[in-house]
Amino acid sequence: VSISDGDATVFRYEYRRSIADYLWNSWYVQLTNFKD
């Protein structure tokens, strides 16, 4: 649990949309490698 009263705290079921980029970008790159 993060100690934060700020916005977009994941433990409060609220997060910025930009958090979605990382897994998408990372895993699709590696799928290219596994397909190769």
PDB file of all heavy atoms in Angstrom:
ATOM      1  N   VAL A   1       0.863  -1.184   0.000  1.00  0.00           N
ATOM      2  CA  VAL A   1       0.000   0.000   0.000  1.00  0.00           C
ATOM      3  C   VAL A   1       0.898   1.231   0.000  1.00  0.00           C
ATOM      4  O   VAL A   1       1.724   1.408   0.901  1.00  0.00           O
ATOM      5  CB  VAL A   1      -0.913   0.044   1.247  1.00  0.00           C
ATOM      6  CG1 VAL A   1      -1.852   1.244   1.159  1.00  0.00           C
ATOM      7  CG2 VAL A   1      -1.698  -1.235   1.417  1.00  0.00           C
ATOM      8  N   SER A   2       0.756   2.073  -0.994  1.00  0.00           N
ATOM      9  CA  SER A   2       1.545   3.304  -1.046  1.00  0.00           C
ATOM     10  C   SER A   2       1.027   4.290  -0.005  1.00  0.00           C
ATOM     11  O   SER A   2      -0.171   4.328   0.295  1.00  0.00           O
ATOM     12  CB  SER A   2       1.457   3.934  -2.441  1.00  0.00           C
ATOM     13  OG  SER A   2       2.057   3.102  -3.410  1.00  0.00           O
ATOM     14  N   ILE A   3       1.923   5.061   0.516  1.00  0.00           N
ATOM     15  CA  ILE A   3       1.532   6.102   1.469  1.00  0.00           C
ATOM     16  C   ILE A   3       1.400   7.387   0.683  1.00  0.00           C
ATOM     17  O   ILE A   3       2.356   8.117   0.440  1.00  0.00           O
ATOM     18  CB  ILE A   3       2.577   6.242   2.597  1.00  0.00           C
ATOM     19  CG1 ILE A   3       2.817   4.881   3.257  1.00  0.00           C
ATOM     20  CG2 ILE A   3       2.113   7.268   3.624  1.00  0.00           C
ATOM     21  CD1 ILE A   3       1.568   4.237   3.843  1.00  0.00           C
ATOM     22  N   SER A   4       0.182   7.645   0.209  1.00  0.00           N
ATOM     23  CA  SER A   4      -0.032   8.793  -0.670  1.00  0.00           C
ATOM     24  C   SER A   4      -1.487   9.245  -0.624  1.00  0.00           C
ATOM     25  O   SER A   4      -2.405   8.424  -0.607  1.00  0.00           O
ATOM     26  CB  SER A   4       0.330   8.417  -2.114  1.00  0.00           C
ATOM     27  OG  SER A   4      -0.030   9.438  -3.002  1.00  0.00           O
ATOM     28  N   ASP A   5      -1.664  10.539  -0.610  1.00  0.00           N
ATOM     29  CA  ASP A   5      -2.996  11.118  -0.726  1.00  0.00           C
ATOM     30  C   ASP A   5      -3.178  11.768  -2.097  1.00  0.00           C
ATOM     31  O   ASP A   5      -4.127  12.514  -2.327  1.00  0.00           O
ATOM     32  CB  ASP A   5      -3.231  12.175   0.373  1.00  0.00           C
ATOM     33  CG  ASP A   5      -3.494  11.531   1.733  1.00  0.00           C
ATOM     34  OD1 ASP A   5      -3.835  10.341   1.760  1.00  0.00           O
ATOM     35  OD2 ASP A   5      -3.328  12.229   2.756  1.00  0.00           O
ATOM     36  N   GLY A   6      -2.250  11.474  -3.012  1.00  0.00           N
ATOM     37  CA  GLY A   6      -2.309  12.059  -4.337  1.00  0.00           C
ATOM     38  C   GLY A   6      -3.316  11.360  -5.237  1.00  0.00           C
ATOM     39  O   GLY A   6      -3.950  10.366  -4.861  1.00  0.00           O
ATOM     40  N   ASP A   7      -3.449  11.895  -6.435  1.00  0.00           N
ATOM     41  CA  ASP A   7      -4.357  11.307  -7.413  1.00  0.00           C
ATOM     42  C   ASP A   7      -3.725  10.069  -8.041  1.00  0.00           C
ATOM     43  O   ASP A   7      -2.523   9.845  -7.974  1.00  0.00           O
ATOM     44  CB  ASP A   7      -4.670  12.326  -8.516  1.00  0.00           C
ATOM     45  CG  ASP A   7      -5.434  13.532  -7.998  1.00  0.00           C
ATOM     46  OD1 ASP A   7      -6.172  13.378  -7.010  1.00  0.00           O
ATOM     47  OD2 ASP A   7      -5.275  14.628  -8.575  1.00  0.00           O
ATOM     48  N   ALA A   8      -4.567   9.275  -8.690  1.00  0.00           N
ATOM     49  CA  ALA A   8      -4.111   8.114  -9.469  1.00  0.00           C
ATOM     50  C   ALA A   8      -3.298   7.135  -8.635  1.00  0.00           C
ATOM     51  O   ALA A   8      -2.227   6.679  -9.023  1.00  0.00           O
ATOM     52  CB  ALA A   8      -3.304   8.579 -10.682  1.00  0.00           C
ATOM     53  N   THR A   9      -3.819   6.791  -7.467  1.00  0.00           N
ATOM     54  CA  THR A   9      -3.162   5.797  -6.626  1.00  0.00           C
ATOM     55  C   THR A   9      -3.790   4.436  -6.906  1.00  0.00           C
ATOM     56  O   THR A   9      -4.995   4.248  -6.722  1.00  0.00           O
ATOM     57  CB  THR A   9      -3.328   6.159  -5.130  1.00  0.00           C
ATOM     58  OG1 THR A   9      -4.680   6.535  -4.885  1.00  0.00           O
ATOM     59  CG2 THR A   9      -2.406   7.298  -4.751  1.00  0.00           C
ATOM     60  N   VAL A  10      -2.977   3.503  -7.356  1.00  0.00           N
ATOM     61  CA  VAL A  10      -3.485   2.214  -7.817  1.00  0.00           C
ATOM     62  C   VAL A  10      -4.253   1.488  -6.725  1.00  0.00           C
ATOM     63  O   VAL A  10      -5.294   0.871  -6.989  1.00  0.00           O
ATOM     64  CB  VAL A  10      -2.322   1.339  -8.336  1.00  0.00           C
ATOM     65  CG1 VAL A  10      -2.819  -0.036  -8.759  1.00  0.00           C
ATOM     66  CG2 VAL A  10      -1.616   2.020  -9.511  1.00  0.00           C
ATOM     67  N   PHE A  11      -3.787   1.559  -5.479  1.00  0.00           N
ATOM     68  CA  PHE A  11      -4.451   0.826  -4.408  1.00  0.00           C
ATOM     69  C   PHE A  11      -5.857   1.340  -4.133  1.00  0.00           C
ATOM     70  O   PHE A  11      -6.661   0.654  -3.490  1.00  0.00           O
ATOM     71  CB  PHE A  11      -3.609   0.854  -3.119  1.00  0.00           C
ATOM     72  CG  PHE A  11      -3.576   2.190  -2.414  1.00  0.00           C
ATOM     73  CD1 PHE A  11      -4.514   2.491  -1.438  1.00  0.00           C
ATOM     74  CD2 PHE A  11      -2.602   3.125  -2.709  1.00  0.00           C
ATOM     75  CE1 PHE A  11      -4.493   3.711  -0.777  1.00  0.00           C
ATOM     76  CE2 PHE A  11      -2.559   4.342  -2.049  1.00  0.00           C
ATOM     77  CZ  PHE A  11      -3.512   4.642  -1.084  1.00  0.00           C
ATOM     78  N   ARG A  12      -6.164   2.540  -4.645  1.00  0.00           N
ATOM     79  CA  ARG A  12      -7.540   3.067  -4.532  1.00  0.00           C
ATOM     80  C   ARG A  12      -8.357   2.793  -5.798  1.00  0.00           C
ATOM     81  O   ARG A  12      -9.429   3.367  -5.986  1.00  0.00           O
ATOM     82  CB  ARG A  12      -7.518   4.576  -4.245  1.00  0.00           C
ATOM     83  CG  ARG A  12      -7.020   4.942  -2.853  1.00  0.00           C
ATOM     84  CD  ARG A  12      -7.398   6.375  -2.491  1.00  0.00           C
ATOM     85  NE  ARG A  12      -6.858   6.744  -1.199  1.00  0.00           N
ATOM     86  CZ  ARG A  12      -5.716   7.437  -1.015  1.00  0.00           C
ATOM     87  NH1 ARG A  12      -5.039   7.856  -2.067  1.00  0.00           N
ATOM     88  NH2 ARG A  12      -5.283   7.707   0.198  1.00  0.00           N
ATOM     89  N   TYR A  13      -7.860   1.914  -6.659  1.00  0.00           N
ATOM     90  CA  TYR A  13      -8.531   1.560  -7.910  1.00  0.00           C
ATOM     91  C   TYR A  13      -8.623   2.756  -8.854  1.00  0.00           C
ATOM     92  O   TYR A  13      -9.627   2.970  -9.540  1.00  0.00           O
ATOM     93  CB  TYR A  13      -9.940   1.013  -7.665  1.00  0.00           C
ATOM     94  CG  TYR A  13     -10.020  -0.233  -6.815  1.00  0.00           C
ATOM     95  CD1 TYR A  13     -11.249  -0.718  -6.379  1.00  0.00           C
ATOM     96  CD2 TYR A  13      -8.878  -0.955  -6.450  1.00  0.00           C
ATOM     97  CE1 TYR A  13     -11.341  -1.873  -5.607  1.00  0.00           C
ATOM     98  CE2 TYR A  13      -8.963  -2.107  -5.680  1.00  0.00           C
ATOM     99  CZ  TYR A  13     -10.204  -2.554  -5.253  1.00  0.00           C
ATOM    100  OH  TYR A  13     -10.292  -3.689  -4.492  1.00  0.00           O
ATOM    101  N   GLU A  14      -7.544   3.520  -8.903  1.00  0.00           N
ATOM    102  CA  GLU A  14      -7.501   4.691  -9.769  1.00  0.00           C
ATOM    103  C   GLU A  14      -6.071   4.829 -10.287  1.00  0.00           C
ATOM    104  O   GLU A  14      -5.125   4.846  -9.510  1.00  0.00           O
ATOM    105  CB  GLU A  14      -7.903   5.941  -8.971  1.00  0.00           C
ATOM    106  CG  GLU A  14      -7.928   7.213  -9.778  1.00  0.00           C
ATOM    107  CD  GLU A  14      -8.299   8.410  -8.903  1.00  0.00           C
ATOM    108  OE1 GLU A  14      -7.643   8.626  -7.860  1.00  0.00           O
ATOM    109  OE2 GLU A  14      -9.247   9.125  -9.279  1.00  0.00           O
ATOM    110  N   TYR A  15      -5.928   4.899 -11.610  1.00  0.00           N
ATOM    111  CA  TYR A  15      -4.568   5.042 -12.137  1.00  0.00           C
ATOM    112  C   TYR A  15      -4.591   5.715 -13.500  1.00  0.00           C
ATOM    113  O   TYR A  15      -5.580   5.692 -14.219  1.00  0.00           O
ATOM    114  CB  TYR A  15      -3.850   3.699 -12.221  1.00  0.00           C
ATOM    115  CG  TYR A  15      -4.682   2.540 -12.740  1.00  0.00           C
ATOM    116  CD1 TYR A  15      -4.763   2.249 -14.092  1.00  0.00           C
ATOM    117  CD2 TYR A  15      -5.388   1.723 -11.850  1.00  0.00           C
ATOM    118  CE1 TYR A  15      -5.510   1.187 -14.560  1.00  0.00           C
ATOM    119  CE2 TYR A  15      -6.149   0.657 -12.307  1.00  0.00           C
ATOM    120  CZ  TYR A  15      -6.205   0.390 -13.666  1.00  0.00           C
ATOM    121  OH  TYR A  15      -6.962  -0.656 -14.129  1.00  0.00           O
ATOM    122  N   ARG A  16      -3.467   6.331 -13.820  1.00  0.00           N
ATOM    123  CA  ARG A  16      -3.349   7.051 -15.093  1.00  0.00           C
ATOM    124  C   ARG A  16      -3.335   6.068 -16.262  1.00  0.00           C
ATOM    125  O   ARG A  16      -2.768   4.988 -16.168  1.00  0.00           O
ATOM    126  CB  ARG A  16      -2.080   7.897 -15.101  1.00  0.00           C
ATOM    127  CG  ARG A  16      -2.115   9.035 -14.086  1.00  0.00           C
ATOM    128  CD  ARG A  16      -0.867   9.902 -14.168  1.00  0.00           C
ATOM    129  NE  ARG A  16      -0.956  11.037 -13.242  1.00  0.00           N
ATOM    130  CZ  ARG A  16      -0.597  10.981 -11.974  1.00  0.00           C
ATOM    131  NH1 ARG A  16      -0.121   9.858 -11.470  1.00  0.00           N
ATOM    132  NH2 ARG A  16      -0.718  12.044 -11.200  1.00  0.00           N
ATOM    133  N   ARG A  17      -3.896   6.480 -17.373  1.00  0.00           N
ATOM    134  CA  ARG A  17      -3.957   5.616 -18.553  1.00  0.00           C
ATOM    135  C   ARG A  17      -2.571   5.276 -19.085  1.00  0.00           C
ATOM    136  O   ARG A  17      -2.370   4.234 -19.717  1.00  0.00           O
ATOM    137  CB  ARG A  17      -4.806   6.291 -19.645  1.00  0.00           C
ATOM    138  CG  ARG A  17      -6.246   6.561 -19.227  1.00  0.00           C
ATOM    139  CD  ARG A  17      -7.023   7.248 -20.323  1.00  0.00           C
ATOM    140  NE  ARG A  17      -7.487   6.319 -21.328  1.00  0.00           N
ATOM    141  CZ  ARG A  17      -8.675   5.703 -21.295  1.00  0.00           C
ATOM    142  NH1 ARG A  17      -9.507   5.911 -20.282  1.00  0.00           N
ATOM    143  NH2 ARG A  17      -9.028   4.881 -22.262  1.00  0.00           N
ATOM    144  N   SER A  18      -1.608   6.150 -18.841  1.00  0.00           N
ATOM    145  CA  SER A  18      -0.252   5.924 -19.352  1.00  0.00           C
ATOM    146  C   SER A  18       0.410   4.692 -18.735  1.00  0.00           C
ATOM    147  O   SER A  18       1.403   4.190 -19.277  1.00  0.00           O
ATOM    148  CB  SER A  18       0.620   7.157 -19.094  1.00  0.00           C
ATOM    149  OG  SER A  18       0.679   7.446 -17.703  1.00  0.00           O
ATOM    150  N   ILE A  19      -0.133   4.177 -17.626  1.00  0.00           N
ATOM    151  CA  ILE A  19       0.455   3.001 -17.002  1.00  0.00           C
ATOM    152  C   ILE A  19       0.328   1.777 -17.904  1.00  0.00           C
ATOM    153  O   ILE A  19       1.062   0.801 -17.758  1.00  0.00           O
ATOM    154  CB  ILE A  19      -0.193   2.725 -15.622  1.00  0.00           C
ATOM    155  CG1 ILE A  19       0.723   1.847 -14.763  1.00  0.00           C
ATOM    156  CG2 ILE A  19      -1.558   2.057 -15.763  1.00  0.00           C
ATOM    157  CD1 ILE A  19       0.269   1.706 -13.311  1.00  0.00           C
ATOM    158  N   ALA A  20      -0.590   1.848 -18.876  1.00  0.00           N
ATOM    159  CA  ALA A  20      -0.861   0.697 -19.737  1.00  0.00           C
ATOM    160  C   ALA A  20       0.219   0.456 -20.787  1.00  0.00           C
ATOM    161  O   ALA A  20       0.325  -0.643 -21.337  1.00  0.00           O
ATOM    162  CB  ALA A  20      -2.209   0.881 -20.441  1.00  0.00           C
ATOM    163  N   ASP A  21       1.027   1.462 -21.087  1.00  0.00           N
ATOM    164  CA  ASP A  21       1.975   1.353 -22.197  1.00  0.00           C
ATOM    165  C   ASP A  21       3.043   0.285 -21.966  1.00  0.00           C
ATOM    166  O   ASP A  21       3.432  -0.427 -22.898  1.00  0.00           O
ATOM    167  CB  ASP A  21       2.675   2.696 -22.434  1.00  0.00           C
ATOM    168  CG  ASP A  21       1.723   3.775 -22.896  1.00  0.00           C
ATOM    169  OD1 ASP A  21       0.499   3.598 -22.756  1.00  0.00           O
ATOM    170  OD2 ASP A  21       2.205   4.814 -23.389  1.00  0.00           O
ATOM    171  N   TYR A  22       3.530   0.183 -20.741  1.00  0.00           N
ATOM    172  CA  TYR A  22       4.754  -0.577 -20.481  1.00  0.00           C
ATOM    173  C   TYR A  22       4.631  -2.062 -20.826  1.00  0.00           C
ATOM    174  O   TYR A  22       5.470  -2.608 -21.559  1.00  0.00           O
ATOM    175  CB  TYR A  22       5.162  -0.398 -19.013  1.00  0.00           C
ATOM    176  CG  TYR A  22       6.417  -1.157 -18.644  1.00  0.00           C
ATOM    177  CD1 TYR A  22       7.641  -0.805 -19.189  1.00  0.00           C
ATOM    178  CD2 TYR A  22       6.368  -2.220 -17.752  1.00  0.00           C
ATOM    179  CE1 TYR A  22       8.796  -1.501 -18.852  1.00  0.00           C
ATOM    180  CE2 TYR A  22       7.512  -2.924 -17.415  1.00  0.00           C
ATOM    181  CZ  TYR A  22       8.722  -2.558 -17.967  1.00  0.00           C
ATOM    182  OH  TYR A  22       9.853  -3.257 -17.643  1.00  0.00           O
ATOM    183  N   LEU A  23       3.629  -2.734 -20.313  1.00  0.00           N
ATOM    184  CA  LEU A  23       3.504  -4.165 -20.585  1.00  0.00           C
ATOM    185  C   LEU A  23       3.224  -4.416 -22.057  1.00  0.00           C
ATOM    186  O   LEU A  23       3.759  -5.358 -22.650  1.00  0.00           O
ATOM    187  CB  LEU A  23       2.393  -4.777 -19.721  1.00  0.00           C
ATOM    188  CG  LEU A  23       2.696  -4.936 -18.237  1.00  0.00           C
ATOM    189  CD1 LEU A  23       1.498  -5.536 -17.522  1.00  0.00           C
ATOM    190  CD2 LEU A  23       3.930  -5.817 -18.019  1.00  0.00           C
ATOM    191  N   TRP A  24       2.367  -3.612 -22.657  1.00  0.00           N
ATOM    192  CA  TRP A  24       2.040  -3.746 -24.078  1.00  0.00           C
ATOM    193  C   TRP A  24       3.319  -3.670 -24.914  1.00  0.00           C
ATOM    194  O   TRP A  24       3.605  -4.555 -25.731  1.00  0.00           O
ATOM    195  CB  TRP A  24       1.065  -2.641 -24.455  1.00  0.00           C
ATOM    196  CG  TRP A  24       0.549  -2.635 -25.860  1.00  0.00           C
ATOM    197  CD1 TRP A  24       1.225  -2.235 -26.981  1.00  0.00           C
ATOM    198  CD2 TRP A  24      -0.765  -3.013 -26.303  1.00  0.00           C
ATOM    199  NE1 TRP A  24       0.415  -2.333 -28.084  1.00  0.00           N
ATOM    200  CE2 TRP A  24      -0.807  -2.807 -27.702  1.00  0.00           C
ATOM    201  CE3 TRP A  24      -1.906  -3.478 -25.658  1.00  0.00           C
ATOM    202  CZ2 TRP A  24      -1.950  -3.061 -28.459  1.00  0.00           C
ATOM    203  CZ3 TRP A  24      -3.054  -3.734 -26.413  1.00  0.00           C
ATOM    204  CH2 TRP A  24      -3.066  -3.530 -27.788  1.00  0.00           C
ATOM    205  N   ASN A  25       4.088  -2.613 -24.692  1.00  0.00           N
ATOM    206  CA  ASN A  25       5.314  -2.419 -25.476  1.00  0.00           C
ATOM    207  C   ASN A  25       6.333  -3.532 -25.209  1.00  0.00           C
ATOM    208  O   ASN A  25       6.941  -4.072 -26.142  1.00  0.00           O
ATOM    209  CB  ASN A  25       5.939  -1.072 -25.139  1.00  0.00           C
ATOM    210  CG  ASN A  25       5.065   0.098 -25.557  1.00  0.00           C
ATOM    211  OD1 ASN A  25       4.151  -0.051 -26.355  1.00  0.00           O
ATOM    212  ND2 ASN A  25       5.340   1.263 -25.000  1.00  0.00           N
ATOM    213  N   SER A  26       6.518  -3.870 -23.963  1.00  0.00           N
ATOM    214  CA  SER A  26       7.545  -4.844 -23.591  1.00  0.00           C
ATOM    215  C   SER A  26       7.222  -6.243 -24.101  1.00  0.00           C
ATOM    216  O   SER A  26       8.074  -6.916 -24.692  1.00  0.00           O
ATOM    217  CB  SER A  26       7.707  -4.882 -22.067  1.00  0.00           C
ATOM    218  OG  SER A  26       8.097  -3.627 -21.561  1.00  0.00           O
ATOM    219  N   TRP A  27       6.002  -6.689 -23.873  1.00  0.00           N
ATOM    220  CA  TRP A  27       5.662  -8.068 -24.232  1.00  0.00           C
ATOM    221  C   TRP A  27       5.510  -8.270 -25.729  1.00  0.00           C
ATOM    222  O   TRP A  27       5.891  -9.326 -26.256  1.00  0.00           O
ATOM    223  CB  TRP A  27       4.418  -8.510 -23.470  1.00  0.00           C
ATOM    224  CG  TRP A  27       4.725  -8.894 -22.047  1.00  0.00           C
ATOM    225  CD1 TRP A  27       5.941  -9.259 -21.533  1.00  0.00           C
ATOM    226  CD2 TRP A  27       3.799  -8.951 -20.954  1.00  0.00           C
ATOM    227  NE1 TRP A  27       5.833  -9.540 -20.185  1.00  0.00           N
ATOM    228  CE2 TRP A  27       4.525  -9.363 -19.810  1.00  0.00           C
ATOM    229  CE3 TRP A  27       2.432  -8.705 -20.826  1.00  0.00           C
ATOM    230  CZ2 TRP A  27       3.920  -9.537 -18.551  1.00  0.00           C
ATOM    231  CZ3 TRP A  27       1.837  -8.866 -19.580  1.00  0.00           C
ATOM    232  CH2 TRP A  27       2.576  -9.283 -18.465  1.00  0.00           C
ATOM    233  N   TYR A  28       5.034  -7.285 -26.463  1.00  0.00           N
ATOM    234  CA  TYR A  28       4.927  -7.458 -27.913  1.00  0.00           C
ATOM    235  C   TYR A  28       6.313  -7.524 -28.574  1.00  0.00           C
ATOM    236  O   TYR A  28       6.509  -8.257 -29.544  1.00  0.00           O
ATOM    237  CB  TYR A  28       4.076  -6.363 -28.544  1.00  0.00           C
ATOM    238  CG  TYR A  28       2.598  -6.703 -28.577  1.00  0.00           C
ATOM    239  CD1 TYR A  28       1.658  -5.925 -27.920  1.00  0.00           C
ATOM    240  CD2 TYR A  28       2.141  -7.833 -29.264  1.00  0.00           C
ATOM    241  CE1 TYR A  28       0.297  -6.236 -27.944  1.00  0.00           C
ATOM    242  CE2 TYR A  28       0.789  -8.169 -29.286  1.00  0.00           C
ATOM    243  CZ  TYR A  28      -0.118  -7.368 -28.623  1.00  0.00           C
ATOM    244  OH  TYR A  28      -1.472  -7.716 -28.642  1.00  0.00           O
ATOM    245  N   VAL A  29       7.262  -6.778 -28.044  1.00  0.00           N
ATOM    246  CA  VAL A  29       8.634  -6.868 -28.566  1.00  0.00           C
ATOM    247  C   VAL A  29       9.180  -8.279 -28.376  1.00  0.00           C
ATOM    248  O   VAL A  29       9.787  -8.865 -29.279  1.00  0.00           O
ATOM    249  CB  VAL A  29       9.552  -5.840 -27.879  1.00  0.00           C
ATOM    250  CG1 VAL A  29      11.021  -6.139 -28.184  1.00  0.00           C
ATOM    251  CG2 VAL A  29       9.217  -4.422 -28.340  1.00  0.00           C
ATOM    252  N   GLN A  30       8.969  -8.840 -27.197  1.00  0.00           N
ATOM    253  CA  GLN A  30       9.496 -10.183 -26.932  1.00  0.00           C
ATOM    254  C   GLN A  30       8.739 -11.251 -27.722  1.00  0.00           C
ATOM    255  O   GLN A  30       9.310 -12.277 -28.084  1.00  0.00           O
ATOM    256  CB  GLN A  30       9.456 -10.477 -25.430  1.00  0.00           C
ATOM    257  CG  GLN A  30      10.277  -9.506 -24.591  1.00  0.00           C
ATOM    258  CD  GLN A  30      11.646  -9.197 -25.203  1.00  0.00           C
ATOM    259  OE1 GLN A  30      12.344 -10.099 -25.687  1.00  0.00           O
ATOM    260  NE2 GLN A  30      12.036  -7.930 -25.170  1.00  0.00           N
ATOM    261  N   LEU A  31       7.465 -11.013 -28.017  1.00  0.00           N
ATOM    262  CA  LEU A  31       6.736 -11.950 -28.864  1.00  0.00           C
ATOM    263  C   LEU A  31       7.342 -12.000 -30.265  1.00  0.00           C
ATOM    264  O   LEU A  31       7.385 -13.060 -30.902  1.00  0.00           O
ATOM    265  CB  LEU A  31       5.255 -11.563 -28.933  1.00  0.00           C
ATOM    266  CG  LEU A  31       4.442 -12.012 -27.722  1.00  0.00           C
ATOM    267  CD1 LEU A  31       3.102 -11.279 -27.652  1.00  0.00           C
ATOM    268  CD2 LEU A  31       4.211 -13.515 -27.758  1.00  0.00           C
ATOM    269  N   THR A  32       7.835 -10.862 -30.737  1.00  0.00           N
ATOM    270  CA  THR A  32       8.544 -10.859 -32.018  1.00  0.00           C
ATOM    271  C   THR A  32       9.755 -11.769 -31.948  1.00  0.00           C
ATOM    272  O   THR A  32      10.027 -12.548 -32.874  1.00  0.00           O
ATOM    273  CB  THR A  32       8.979  -9.426 -32.385  1.00  0.00           C
ATOM    274  OG1 THR A  32       7.829  -8.590 -32.481  1.00  0.00           O
ATOM    275  CG2 THR A  32       9.735  -9.407 -33.706  1.00  0.00           C
ATOM    276  N   ASN A  33      10.486 -11.698 -30.841  1.00  0.00           N
ATOM    277  CA  ASN A  33      11.673 -12.545 -30.676  1.00  0.00           C
ATOM    278  C   ASN A  33      11.303 -14.022 -30.587  1.00  0.00           C
ATOM    279  O   ASN A  33      11.968 -14.876 -31.177  1.00  0.00           O
ATOM    280  CB  ASN A  33      12.458 -12.120 -29.430  1.00  0.00           C
ATOM    281  CG  ASN A  33      13.149 -10.781 -29.619  1.00  0.00           C
ATOM    282  OD1 ASN A  33      13.580 -10.454 -30.721  1.00  0.00           O
ATOM    283  ND2 ASN A  33      13.245  -9.998 -28.561  1.00  0.00           N
ATOM    284  N   PHE A  34      10.247 -14.340 -29.838  1.00  0.00           N
ATOM    285  CA  PHE A  34       9.838 -15.743 -29.717  1.00  0.00           C
ATOM    286  C   PHE A  34       9.331 -16.284 -31.062  1.00  0.00           C
ATOM    287  O   PHE A  34       9.576 -17.442 -31.401  1.00  0.00           O
ATOM    288  CB  PHE A  34       8.765 -15.899 -28.642  1.00  0.00           C
ATOM    289  CG  PHE A  34       9.306 -15.811 -27.241  1.00  0.00           C
ATOM    290  CD1 PHE A  34       8.761 -14.920 -26.318  1.00  0.00           C
ATOM    291  CD2 PHE A  34      10.351 -16.621 -26.833  1.00  0.00           C
ATOM    292  CE1 PHE A  34       9.262 -14.839 -25.023  1.00  0.00           C
ATOM    293  CE2 PHE A  34      10.866 -16.552 -25.535  1.00  0.00           C
ATOM    294  CZ  PHE A  34      10.313 -15.649 -24.633  1.00  0.00           C
ATOM    295  N   LYS A  35       8.654 -15.441 -31.839  1.00  0.00           N
ATOM    296  CA  LYS A  35       8.202 -15.884 -33.164  1.00  0.00           C
ATOM    297  C   LYS A  35       9.386 -16.105 -34.102  1.00  0.00           C
ATOM    298  O   LYS A  35       9.407 -17.070 -34.886  1.00  0.00           O
ATOM    299  CB  LYS A  35       7.228 -14.858 -33.756  1.00  0.00           C
ATOM    300  CG  LYS A  35       5.852 -14.890 -33.124  1.00  0.00           C
ATOM    301  CD  LYS A  35       4.873 -13.992 -33.876  1.00  0.00           C
ATOM    302  CE  LYS A  35       3.471 -14.165 -33.324  1.00  0.00           C
ATOM    303  NZ  LYS A  35       2.462 -13.408 -34.097  1.00  0.00           N
ATOM    304  N   ASP A  36      10.376 -15.212 -34.038  1.00  0.00           N
ATOM    305  CA  ASP A  36      11.587 -15.396 -34.837  1.00  0.00           C
ATOM    306  C   ASP A  36      12.300 -16.685 -34.441  1.00  0.00           C
ATOM    307  O   ASP A  36      12.841 -17.398 -35.294  1.00  0.00           O
ATOM    308  CB  ASP A  36      12.525 -14.207 -34.653  1.00  0.00           C
ATOM    309  CG  ASP A  36      12.060 -12.958 -35.391  1.00  0.00           C
ATOM    310  OD1 ASP A  36      11.148 -13.082 -36.237  1.00  0.00           O
ATOM    311  OD2 ASP A  36      12.599 -11.874 -35.119  1.00  0.00           O
TER     312      ASP A  36
END
